[in-house]
Amino acid sequence: MLLGASASVIAIVIAVSYYAPNRSLHLVLIGPVKLKYIAVISVILYILQIASTNSGGNIAHLGGAAWGLLWAWQVKQGKDISSGFEIFMDHVFTWFKPRKRNLKVTYRKKSPQKMKDWEYNASKSMQQKEINRILDKIGKSGYESLSREEKDILFKMGRKNQK
C-alpha cells in the first residue's frame, strides 16, 4: 500500500533542506547531520543506483527530489505552485462529503396534560403578563411601536385563541 510513498518523502526532505539547509537532524549512531548533506547524499545514491534492479524506483525518487526542489524554490520566491492542485482536491473531496440535510430544530413545551397544575398556572400567568405588557404598549405608543418579536407573540396568541 505504501509503494511509491518514498518518492514523496524524498520530495519533502529536499524541499525542507532547500528551505532550511543548515537545520540539523539527529541520526541514530551518527549524531547531528545538516539536512543539506542528507539531501545531497540521497540524490547521489539514487543517481548511482539507477542501473540497479530497482531503476524505476530510483528514477521516481529523483523525480520526487526534483519536485521538492522546484516547489521549495517557488515558495522562497513567494509563489505557491501547488495551489491549483489544492483547489482541485478541495472540489474532489466535496463530491464525497455527506450532504447537509436542512433540519429544523423545534423546542416543544410540555403539553398541559403532562404539566403539574402549578406549572400550568405559572405558564399561563407569564403568558398573560406578557400579553398585558404588549397591549399596554400599544395603548401608549400605537401598534407600530412594537418590535417584530412582540408582533409575533400577539399573532401566535391570536391564532391559539381562535382554535
N, C-alpha and C. Protein backbone atom coordinates (compact mmCIF):
# COMPACT_ATOMS: atom_id res chain seq x y z
N MET A 1 0.81 -1.19 0.00
CA MET A 1 0.00 0.00 0.00
C MET A 1 0.85 1.26 0.00
N LEU A 2 2.06 1.17 0.51
CA LEU A 2 2.92 2.35 0.59
C LEU A 2 3.92 2.40 -0.55
N LEU A 3 3.71 1.60 -1.56
CA LEU A 3 4.62 1.59 -2.69
C LEU A 3 4.60 2.94 -3.38
N GLY A 4 5.74 3.58 -3.48
CA GLY A 4 5.83 4.88 -4.12
C GLY A 4 5.80 6.04 -3.14
N ALA A 5 5.54 5.76 -1.88
CA ALA A 5 5.50 6.84 -0.89
C ALA A 5 6.88 7.42 -0.65
N SER A 6 7.91 6.63 -0.89
CA SER A 6 9.26 7.11 -0.62
C SER A 6 9.65 8.26 -1.55
N ALA A 7 9.08 8.30 -2.75
CA ALA A 7 9.37 9.42 -3.65
C ALA A 7 8.82 10.73 -3.07
N SER A 8 7.65 10.66 -2.43
CA SER A 8 7.12 11.88 -1.81
C SER A 8 7.90 12.24 -0.55
N VAL A 9 8.41 11.23 0.14
CA VAL A 9 9.22 11.52 1.32
C VAL A 9 10.49 12.23 0.91
N ILE A 10 11.14 11.79 -0.16
CA ILE A 10 12.36 12.46 -0.60
C ILE A 10 12.05 13.86 -1.11
N ALA A 11 10.86 14.05 -1.68
CA ALA A 11 10.45 15.41 -2.09
C ALA A 11 10.38 16.33 -0.88
N ILE A 12 9.86 15.82 0.21
CA ILE A 12 9.77 16.63 1.43
C ILE A 12 11.16 16.90 2.00
N VAL A 13 12.01 15.88 2.00
CA VAL A 13 13.37 16.05 2.51
C VAL A 13 14.11 17.11 1.70
N ILE A 14 14.02 17.04 0.38
CA ILE A 14 14.72 18.00 -0.48
C ILE A 14 14.14 19.40 -0.28
N ALA A 15 12.81 19.50 -0.21
CA ALA A 15 12.18 20.82 -0.03
C ALA A 15 12.60 21.45 1.29
N VAL A 16 12.60 20.67 2.35
CA VAL A 16 12.98 21.21 3.65
C VAL A 16 14.46 21.56 3.67
N SER A 17 15.29 20.72 3.05
CA SER A 17 16.72 21.01 3.05
C SER A 17 17.04 22.23 2.20
N TYR A 18 16.25 22.51 1.17
CA TYR A 18 16.45 23.73 0.38
C TYR A 18 15.99 24.95 1.18
N TYR A 19 14.88 24.79 1.86
CA TYR A 19 14.29 25.91 2.59
C TYR A 19 15.09 26.23 3.86
N ALA A 20 15.59 25.20 4.55
CA ALA A 20 16.37 25.40 5.78
C ALA A 20 17.58 24.46 5.74
N PRO A 21 18.60 24.78 4.93
CA PRO A 21 19.70 23.83 4.70
C PRO A 21 20.57 23.55 5.93
N ASN A 22 20.65 24.45 6.84
CA ASN A 22 21.53 24.25 7.99
C ASN A 22 20.83 23.64 9.20
N ARG A 23 19.58 23.26 9.03
CA ARG A 23 18.84 22.59 10.12
C ARG A 23 19.46 21.21 10.30
N SER A 24 19.68 20.83 11.53
CA SER A 24 20.30 19.53 11.81
C SER A 24 19.25 18.49 12.15
N LEU A 25 19.56 17.27 11.78
CA LEU A 25 18.72 16.13 12.09
C LEU A 25 19.60 15.14 12.84
N HIS A 26 19.16 14.65 13.95
CA HIS A 26 19.96 13.72 14.76
C HIS A 26 19.69 12.30 14.30
N LEU A 27 20.68 11.68 13.69
CA LEU A 27 20.56 10.32 13.20
C LEU A 27 21.12 9.35 14.24
N VAL A 28 20.47 8.21 14.38
CA VAL A 28 20.92 7.21 15.34
C VAL A 28 22.31 6.71 14.94
N LEU A 29 23.17 6.57 15.89
CA LEU A 29 24.55 6.09 15.74
C LEU A 29 25.46 7.05 14.97
N ILE A 30 24.94 8.11 14.40
CA ILE A 30 25.78 9.06 13.65
C ILE A 30 25.82 10.39 14.39
N GLY A 31 24.68 10.84 14.86
CA GLY A 31 24.61 12.13 15.54
C GLY A 31 23.99 13.19 14.65
N PRO A 32 24.20 14.45 14.97
CA PRO A 32 23.58 15.52 14.20
C PRO A 32 24.22 15.67 12.81
N VAL A 33 23.33 15.75 11.79
CA VAL A 33 23.77 15.94 10.41
C VAL A 33 22.88 17.02 9.80
N LYS A 34 23.49 17.94 9.08
CA LYS A 34 22.71 19.01 8.45
C LYS A 34 21.88 18.43 7.29
N LEU A 35 20.69 18.97 7.13
CA LEU A 35 19.77 18.46 6.11
C LEU A 35 20.33 18.56 4.70
N LYS A 36 21.10 19.59 4.42
CA LYS A 36 21.64 19.74 3.07
C LYS A 36 22.54 18.57 2.71
N TYR A 37 23.28 18.01 3.68
CA TYR A 37 24.14 16.86 3.41
C TYR A 37 23.31 15.59 3.19
N ILE A 38 22.25 15.43 3.96
CA ILE A 38 21.37 14.28 3.78
C ILE A 38 20.75 14.32 2.39
N ALA A 39 20.33 15.49 1.96
CA ALA A 39 19.70 15.64 0.64
C ALA A 39 20.68 15.34 -0.48
N VAL A 40 21.86 15.90 -0.40
CA VAL A 40 22.86 15.69 -1.45
C VAL A 40 23.28 14.23 -1.53
N ILE A 41 23.53 13.61 -0.39
CA ILE A 41 23.93 12.19 -0.38
C ILE A 41 22.81 11.31 -0.92
N SER A 42 21.56 11.62 -0.57
CA SER A 42 20.42 10.84 -1.07
C SER A 42 20.33 10.92 -2.58
N VAL A 43 20.44 12.11 -3.13
CA VAL A 43 20.35 12.28 -4.58
C VAL A 43 21.49 11.55 -5.29
N ILE A 44 22.70 11.67 -4.73
CA ILE A 44 23.85 10.97 -5.34
C ILE A 44 23.63 9.46 -5.33
N LEU A 45 23.13 8.92 -4.23
CA LEU A 45 22.86 7.49 -4.14
C LEU A 45 21.80 7.05 -5.14
N TYR A 46 20.75 7.85 -5.31
CA TYR A 46 19.70 7.50 -6.29
C TYR A 46 20.25 7.52 -7.71
N ILE A 47 21.11 8.49 -8.00
CA ILE A 47 21.71 8.55 -9.35
C ILE A 47 22.59 7.32 -9.58
N LEU A 48 23.40 6.95 -8.60
CA LEU A 48 24.29 5.80 -8.74
C LEU A 48 23.54 4.48 -8.85
N GLN A 49 22.35 4.42 -8.25
CA GLN A 49 21.60 3.17 -8.24
C GLN A 49 20.61 3.04 -9.39
N ILE A 50 20.62 3.95 -10.34
CA ILE A 50 19.70 3.85 -11.48
C ILE A 50 19.95 2.56 -12.26
N ALA A 51 21.17 2.14 -12.35
CA ALA A 51 21.50 0.93 -13.12
C ALA A 51 21.20 -0.34 -12.34
N SER A 52 20.72 -0.25 -11.11
CA SER A 52 20.44 -1.45 -10.31
C SER A 52 19.12 -2.09 -10.72
N THR A 53 18.67 -3.05 -9.95
CA THR A 53 17.43 -3.77 -10.27
C THR A 53 16.18 -2.92 -10.07
N ASN A 54 16.27 -1.89 -9.25
CA ASN A 54 15.10 -1.04 -8.98
C ASN A 54 15.30 0.33 -9.63
N SER A 55 15.55 0.32 -10.93
CA SER A 55 15.81 1.59 -11.60
C SER A 55 14.57 2.49 -11.61
N GLY A 56 13.39 1.92 -11.76
CA GLY A 56 12.16 2.71 -11.75
C GLY A 56 11.95 3.42 -10.43
N GLY A 57 12.23 2.73 -9.33
CA GLY A 57 12.09 3.34 -8.01
C GLY A 57 13.07 4.48 -7.81
N ASN A 58 14.31 4.28 -8.29
CA ASN A 58 15.31 5.35 -8.14
C ASN A 58 14.98 6.55 -9.01
N ILE A 59 14.44 6.30 -10.19
CA ILE A 59 14.02 7.42 -11.05
C ILE A 59 12.84 8.16 -10.40
N ALA A 60 11.95 7.40 -9.77
CA ALA A 60 10.84 8.03 -9.06
C ALA A 60 11.36 8.89 -7.91
N HIS A 61 12.37 8.40 -7.20
CA HIS A 61 12.96 9.19 -6.11
C HIS A 61 13.58 10.47 -6.65
N LEU A 62 14.25 10.38 -7.79
CA LEU A 62 14.84 11.58 -8.39
C LEU A 62 13.75 12.56 -8.84
N GLY A 63 12.65 12.01 -9.35
CA GLY A 63 11.52 12.87 -9.72
C GLY A 63 10.93 13.57 -8.50
N GLY A 64 10.81 12.83 -7.39
CA GLY A 64 10.33 13.43 -6.15
C GLY A 64 11.28 14.51 -5.67
N ALA A 65 12.59 14.23 -5.78
CA ALA A 65 13.58 15.23 -5.38
C ALA A 65 13.48 16.48 -6.24
N ALA A 66 13.29 16.29 -7.54
CA ALA A 66 13.16 17.44 -8.45
C ALA A 66 11.91 18.25 -8.09
N TRP A 67 10.81 17.56 -7.84
CA TRP A 67 9.58 18.26 -7.48
C TRP A 67 9.75 19.01 -6.16
N GLY A 68 10.38 18.40 -5.17
CA GLY A 68 10.61 19.06 -3.88
C GLY A 68 11.47 20.30 -4.03
N LEU A 69 12.51 20.20 -4.88
CA LEU A 69 13.39 21.34 -5.12
C LEU A 69 12.64 22.46 -5.83
N LEU A 70 11.86 22.11 -6.85
CA LEU A 70 11.09 23.11 -7.60
C LEU A 70 10.07 23.79 -6.69
N TRP A 71 9.38 23.00 -5.89
CA TRP A 71 8.35 23.57 -5.01
C TRP A 71 8.98 24.52 -3.99
N ALA A 72 10.07 24.09 -3.34
CA ALA A 72 10.71 24.94 -2.33
C ALA A 72 11.28 26.21 -2.95
N TRP A 73 11.83 26.09 -4.14
CA TRP A 73 12.37 27.26 -4.84
C TRP A 73 11.26 28.27 -5.12
N GLN A 74 10.10 27.78 -5.57
CA GLN A 74 8.97 28.66 -5.85
C GLN A 74 8.42 29.29 -4.56
N VAL A 75 8.36 28.51 -3.49
CA VAL A 75 7.87 29.05 -2.21
C VAL A 75 8.79 30.15 -1.71
N LYS A 76 10.10 29.95 -1.86
CA LYS A 76 11.04 31.00 -1.43
C LYS A 76 10.87 32.28 -2.24
N GLN A 77 10.37 32.14 -3.48
CA GLN A 77 10.12 33.32 -4.31
C GLN A 77 8.72 33.90 -4.08
N GLY A 78 7.95 33.29 -3.20
CA GLY A 78 6.62 33.80 -2.87
C GLY A 78 5.50 33.24 -3.73
N LYS A 79 5.77 32.19 -4.48
CA LYS A 79 4.74 31.58 -5.33
C LYS A 79 4.41 30.19 -4.80
N ASP A 80 3.14 29.85 -4.86
CA ASP A 80 2.72 28.51 -4.44
C ASP A 80 2.22 27.77 -5.67
N ILE A 81 3.07 26.94 -6.25
CA ILE A 81 2.69 26.25 -7.49
C ILE A 81 1.74 25.10 -7.23
N SER A 82 1.52 24.76 -5.98
CA SER A 82 0.61 23.66 -5.68
C SER A 82 -0.80 24.15 -5.36
N SER A 83 -1.06 25.45 -5.43
CA SER A 83 -2.38 25.97 -5.06
C SER A 83 -3.47 25.48 -6.00
N GLY A 84 -3.17 25.33 -7.30
CA GLY A 84 -4.17 24.82 -8.23
C GLY A 84 -4.56 23.39 -7.90
N PHE A 85 -3.58 22.58 -7.54
CA PHE A 85 -3.86 21.20 -7.15
C PHE A 85 -4.68 21.16 -5.87
N GLU A 86 -4.37 22.06 -4.96
CA GLU A 86 -5.11 22.12 -3.70
C GLU A 86 -6.57 22.48 -3.95
N ILE A 87 -6.82 23.42 -4.84
CA ILE A 87 -8.20 23.80 -5.18
C ILE A 87 -8.92 22.64 -5.83
N PHE A 88 -8.23 21.94 -6.75
CA PHE A 88 -8.82 20.78 -7.41
C PHE A 88 -9.19 19.70 -6.39
N MET A 89 -8.30 19.43 -5.46
CA MET A 89 -8.57 18.39 -4.46
C MET A 89 -9.71 18.79 -3.53
N ASP A 90 -9.83 20.08 -3.23
CA ASP A 90 -10.96 20.54 -2.44
C ASP A 90 -12.28 20.23 -3.14
N HIS A 91 -12.30 20.44 -4.46
CA HIS A 91 -13.51 20.14 -5.23
C HIS A 91 -13.78 18.64 -5.25
N VAL A 92 -12.75 17.84 -5.41
CA VAL A 92 -12.92 16.39 -5.44
C VAL A 92 -13.47 15.90 -4.11
N PHE A 93 -12.93 16.39 -3.00
CA PHE A 93 -13.38 15.93 -1.70
C PHE A 93 -14.81 16.36 -1.39
N THR A 94 -15.27 17.45 -1.97
CA THR A 94 -16.66 17.85 -1.73
C THR A 94 -17.63 16.90 -2.41
N TRP A 95 -17.17 16.16 -3.43
CA TRP A 95 -18.06 15.17 -4.07
C TRP A 95 -18.39 14.05 -3.10
N PHE A 96 -17.46 13.71 -2.23
CA PHE A 96 -17.64 12.58 -1.32
C PHE A 96 -18.10 13.00 0.06
N LYS A 97 -18.21 14.27 0.27
CA LYS A 97 -18.63 14.79 1.56
C LYS A 97 -20.13 14.57 1.71
N PRO A 98 -20.57 14.07 2.85
CA PRO A 98 -22.02 13.87 3.01
C PRO A 98 -22.75 15.21 2.98
N ARG A 99 -23.86 15.21 2.32
CA ARG A 99 -24.66 16.43 2.18
C ARG A 99 -25.32 16.77 3.50
N LYS A 100 -25.38 18.06 3.78
CA LYS A 100 -26.09 18.51 4.97
C LYS A 100 -27.57 18.49 4.67
N ARG A 101 -28.28 17.97 5.59
CA ARG A 101 -29.73 18.00 5.45
C ARG A 101 -30.24 19.18 6.24
N ASN A 102 -31.14 19.91 5.65
CA ASN A 102 -31.69 21.07 6.33
C ASN A 102 -32.69 20.60 7.37
N LEU A 103 -32.22 20.47 8.57
CA LEU A 103 -33.07 20.03 9.66
C LEU A 103 -33.54 21.25 10.43
N LYS A 104 -34.77 21.22 10.79
CA LYS A 104 -35.32 22.30 11.58
C LYS A 104 -35.45 21.81 13.01
N VAL A 105 -34.84 22.55 13.91
CA VAL A 105 -34.89 22.18 15.31
C VAL A 105 -36.07 22.91 15.94
N THR A 106 -36.90 22.16 16.59
CA THR A 106 -38.04 22.77 17.29
C THR A 106 -37.99 22.37 18.75
N TYR A 107 -38.44 23.26 19.58
CA TYR A 107 -38.50 23.00 21.00
C TYR A 107 -39.96 22.98 21.39
N ARG A 108 -40.34 21.92 22.02
CA ARG A 108 -41.74 21.80 22.40
C ARG A 108 -41.88 21.99 23.91
N LYS A 109 -42.91 22.69 24.24
CA LYS A 109 -43.21 22.85 25.65
C LYS A 109 -43.96 21.61 26.10
N LYS A 110 -43.94 21.41 27.40
CA LYS A 110 -44.71 20.29 27.92
C LYS A 110 -46.17 20.52 27.62
N SER A 111 -46.84 19.46 27.23
CA SER A 111 -48.28 19.60 26.99
C SER A 111 -48.98 19.81 28.32
N PRO A 112 -50.13 20.48 28.30
CA PRO A 112 -50.84 20.75 29.56
C PRO A 112 -51.15 19.47 30.34
N GLN A 113 -51.34 18.35 29.64
CA GLN A 113 -51.65 17.11 30.34
C GLN A 113 -50.46 16.60 31.15
N LYS A 114 -49.22 16.89 30.70
CA LYS A 114 -48.04 16.40 31.40
C LYS A 114 -47.52 17.39 32.43
N MET A 115 -48.06 18.62 32.42
CA MET A 115 -47.64 19.63 33.39
C MET A 115 -48.39 19.43 34.70
N LYS A 116 -47.72 19.76 35.76
CA LYS A 116 -48.41 19.78 37.05
C LYS A 116 -49.28 21.04 37.08
N ASP A 117 -50.26 21.06 37.92
CA ASP A 117 -51.19 22.19 37.97
C ASP A 117 -50.46 23.51 38.19
N TRP A 118 -49.55 23.55 39.13
CA TRP A 118 -48.87 24.80 39.44
C TRP A 118 -47.98 25.25 38.29
N GLU A 119 -47.38 24.28 37.53
CA GLU A 119 -46.56 24.64 36.37
C GLU A 119 -47.44 25.25 35.28
N TYR A 120 -48.59 24.62 35.04
CA TYR A 120 -49.51 25.12 34.03
C TYR A 120 -50.01 26.52 34.38
N ASN A 121 -50.39 26.72 35.61
CA ASN A 121 -50.89 28.02 36.05
C ASN A 121 -49.80 29.10 35.95
N ALA A 122 -48.56 28.74 36.33
CA ALA A 122 -47.47 29.70 36.25
C ALA A 122 -47.20 30.07 34.79
N SER A 123 -47.26 29.09 33.90
CA SER A 123 -47.04 29.34 32.48
C SER A 123 -48.11 30.27 31.92
N LYS A 124 -49.34 29.98 32.22
CA LYS A 124 -50.45 30.82 31.74
C LYS A 124 -50.35 32.24 32.31
N SER A 125 -49.94 32.35 33.56
CA SER A 125 -49.81 33.67 34.19
C SER A 125 -48.71 34.49 33.50
N MET A 126 -47.58 33.84 33.17
CA MET A 126 -46.49 34.54 32.48
C MET A 126 -46.93 34.99 31.09
N GLN A 127 -47.66 34.12 30.38
CA GLN A 127 -48.16 34.48 29.05
C GLN A 127 -49.11 35.68 29.15
N GLN A 128 -49.99 35.65 30.13
CA GLN A 128 -50.96 36.74 30.28
C GLN A 128 -50.27 38.05 30.64
N LYS A 129 -49.22 38.00 31.47
CA LYS A 129 -48.48 39.20 31.82
C LYS A 129 -47.80 39.79 30.59
N GLU A 130 -47.25 38.91 29.74
CA GLU A 130 -46.59 39.37 28.51
C GLU A 130 -47.60 40.01 27.56
N ILE A 131 -48.76 39.40 27.41
CA ILE A 131 -49.81 39.97 26.56
C ILE A 131 -50.26 41.33 27.10
N ASN A 132 -50.46 41.41 28.41
CA ASN A 132 -50.89 42.69 29.02
C ASN A 132 -49.84 43.78 28.79
N ARG A 133 -48.54 43.42 28.92
CA ARG A 133 -47.49 44.39 28.69
C ARG A 133 -47.52 44.90 27.26
N ILE A 134 -47.70 43.98 26.31
CA ILE A 134 -47.73 44.37 24.89
C ILE A 134 -48.96 45.24 24.60
N LEU A 135 -50.11 44.88 25.16
CA LEU A 135 -51.32 45.67 24.94
C LEU A 135 -51.20 47.06 25.56
N ASP A 136 -50.55 47.16 26.72
CA ASP A 136 -50.31 48.48 27.32
C ASP A 136 -49.42 49.33 26.42
N LYS A 137 -48.42 48.71 25.83
CA LYS A 137 -47.52 49.43 24.93
C LYS A 137 -48.28 49.93 23.71
N ILE A 138 -49.18 49.11 23.18
CA ILE A 138 -49.99 49.54 22.03
C ILE A 138 -50.86 50.72 22.43
N GLY A 139 -51.45 50.66 23.66
CA GLY A 139 -52.31 51.74 24.15
C GLY A 139 -51.55 53.06 24.29
N LYS A 140 -50.29 53.01 24.69
CA LYS A 140 -49.50 54.21 24.90
C LYS A 140 -48.86 54.74 23.62
N SER A 141 -48.27 53.81 22.81
CA SER A 141 -47.46 54.26 21.67
C SER A 141 -47.97 53.81 20.31
N GLY A 142 -48.98 52.98 20.27
CA GLY A 142 -49.51 52.51 18.99
C GLY A 142 -48.87 51.19 18.55
N TYR A 143 -49.53 50.53 17.62
CA TYR A 143 -49.11 49.21 17.13
C TYR A 143 -47.73 49.27 16.48
N GLU A 144 -47.42 50.35 15.79
CA GLU A 144 -46.14 50.47 15.06
C GLU A 144 -44.94 50.53 16.00
N SER A 145 -45.17 50.80 17.28
CA SER A 145 -44.05 50.86 18.22
C SER A 145 -43.58 49.47 18.67
N LEU A 146 -44.34 48.43 18.31
CA LEU A 146 -43.99 47.07 18.72
C LEU A 146 -42.79 46.54 17.93
N SER A 147 -41.99 45.74 18.60
CA SER A 147 -40.88 45.07 17.91
C SER A 147 -41.42 43.88 17.13
N ARG A 148 -40.60 43.33 16.31
CA ARG A 148 -41.01 42.16 15.50
C ARG A 148 -41.39 40.99 16.40
N GLU A 149 -40.63 40.79 17.49
CA GLU A 149 -40.92 39.69 18.41
C GLU A 149 -42.28 39.88 19.10
N GLU A 150 -42.55 41.13 19.49
CA GLU A 150 -43.83 41.41 20.16
C GLU A 150 -45.00 41.18 19.21
N LYS A 151 -44.85 41.59 17.95
CA LYS A 151 -45.90 41.34 16.96
C LYS A 151 -46.11 39.85 16.75
N ASP A 152 -45.01 39.08 16.73
CA ASP A 152 -45.11 37.63 16.57
C ASP A 152 -45.86 37.00 17.74
N ILE A 153 -45.56 37.48 18.95
CA ILE A 153 -46.25 36.94 20.14
C ILE A 153 -47.74 37.20 20.03
N LEU A 154 -48.13 38.41 19.66
CA LEU A 154 -49.56 38.72 19.51
C LEU A 154 -50.21 37.84 18.45
N PHE A 155 -49.51 37.67 17.33
CA PHE A 155 -50.05 36.86 16.24
C PHE A 155 -50.26 35.41 16.69
N LYS A 156 -49.25 34.86 17.37
CA LYS A 156 -49.35 33.47 17.83
C LYS A 156 -50.47 33.30 18.86
N MET A 157 -50.59 34.24 19.78
CA MET A 157 -51.64 34.15 20.79
C MET A 157 -53.03 34.29 20.16
N GLY A 158 -53.11 35.15 19.15
CA GLY A 158 -54.40 35.31 18.47
C GLY A 158 -54.80 34.04 17.75
N ARG A 159 -53.85 33.38 17.12
CA ARG A 159 -54.16 32.10 16.44
C ARG A 159 -54.52 31.04 17.44
N LYS A 160 -53.84 31.03 18.58
CA LYS A 160 -54.10 30.00 19.61
C LYS A 160 -55.52 30.15 20.17
N ASN A 161 -55.95 31.41 20.32
CA ASN A 161 -57.29 31.66 20.88
C ASN A 161 -58.39 31.36 19.88
N GLN A 162 -58.09 31.38 18.58
CA GLN A 162 -59.09 31.08 17.56
C GLN A 162 -59.38 29.59 17.48
N LYS A 163 -58.46 28.75 17.92
CA LYS A 163 -58.64 27.31 17.80
C LYS A 163 -59.63 26.76 18.77
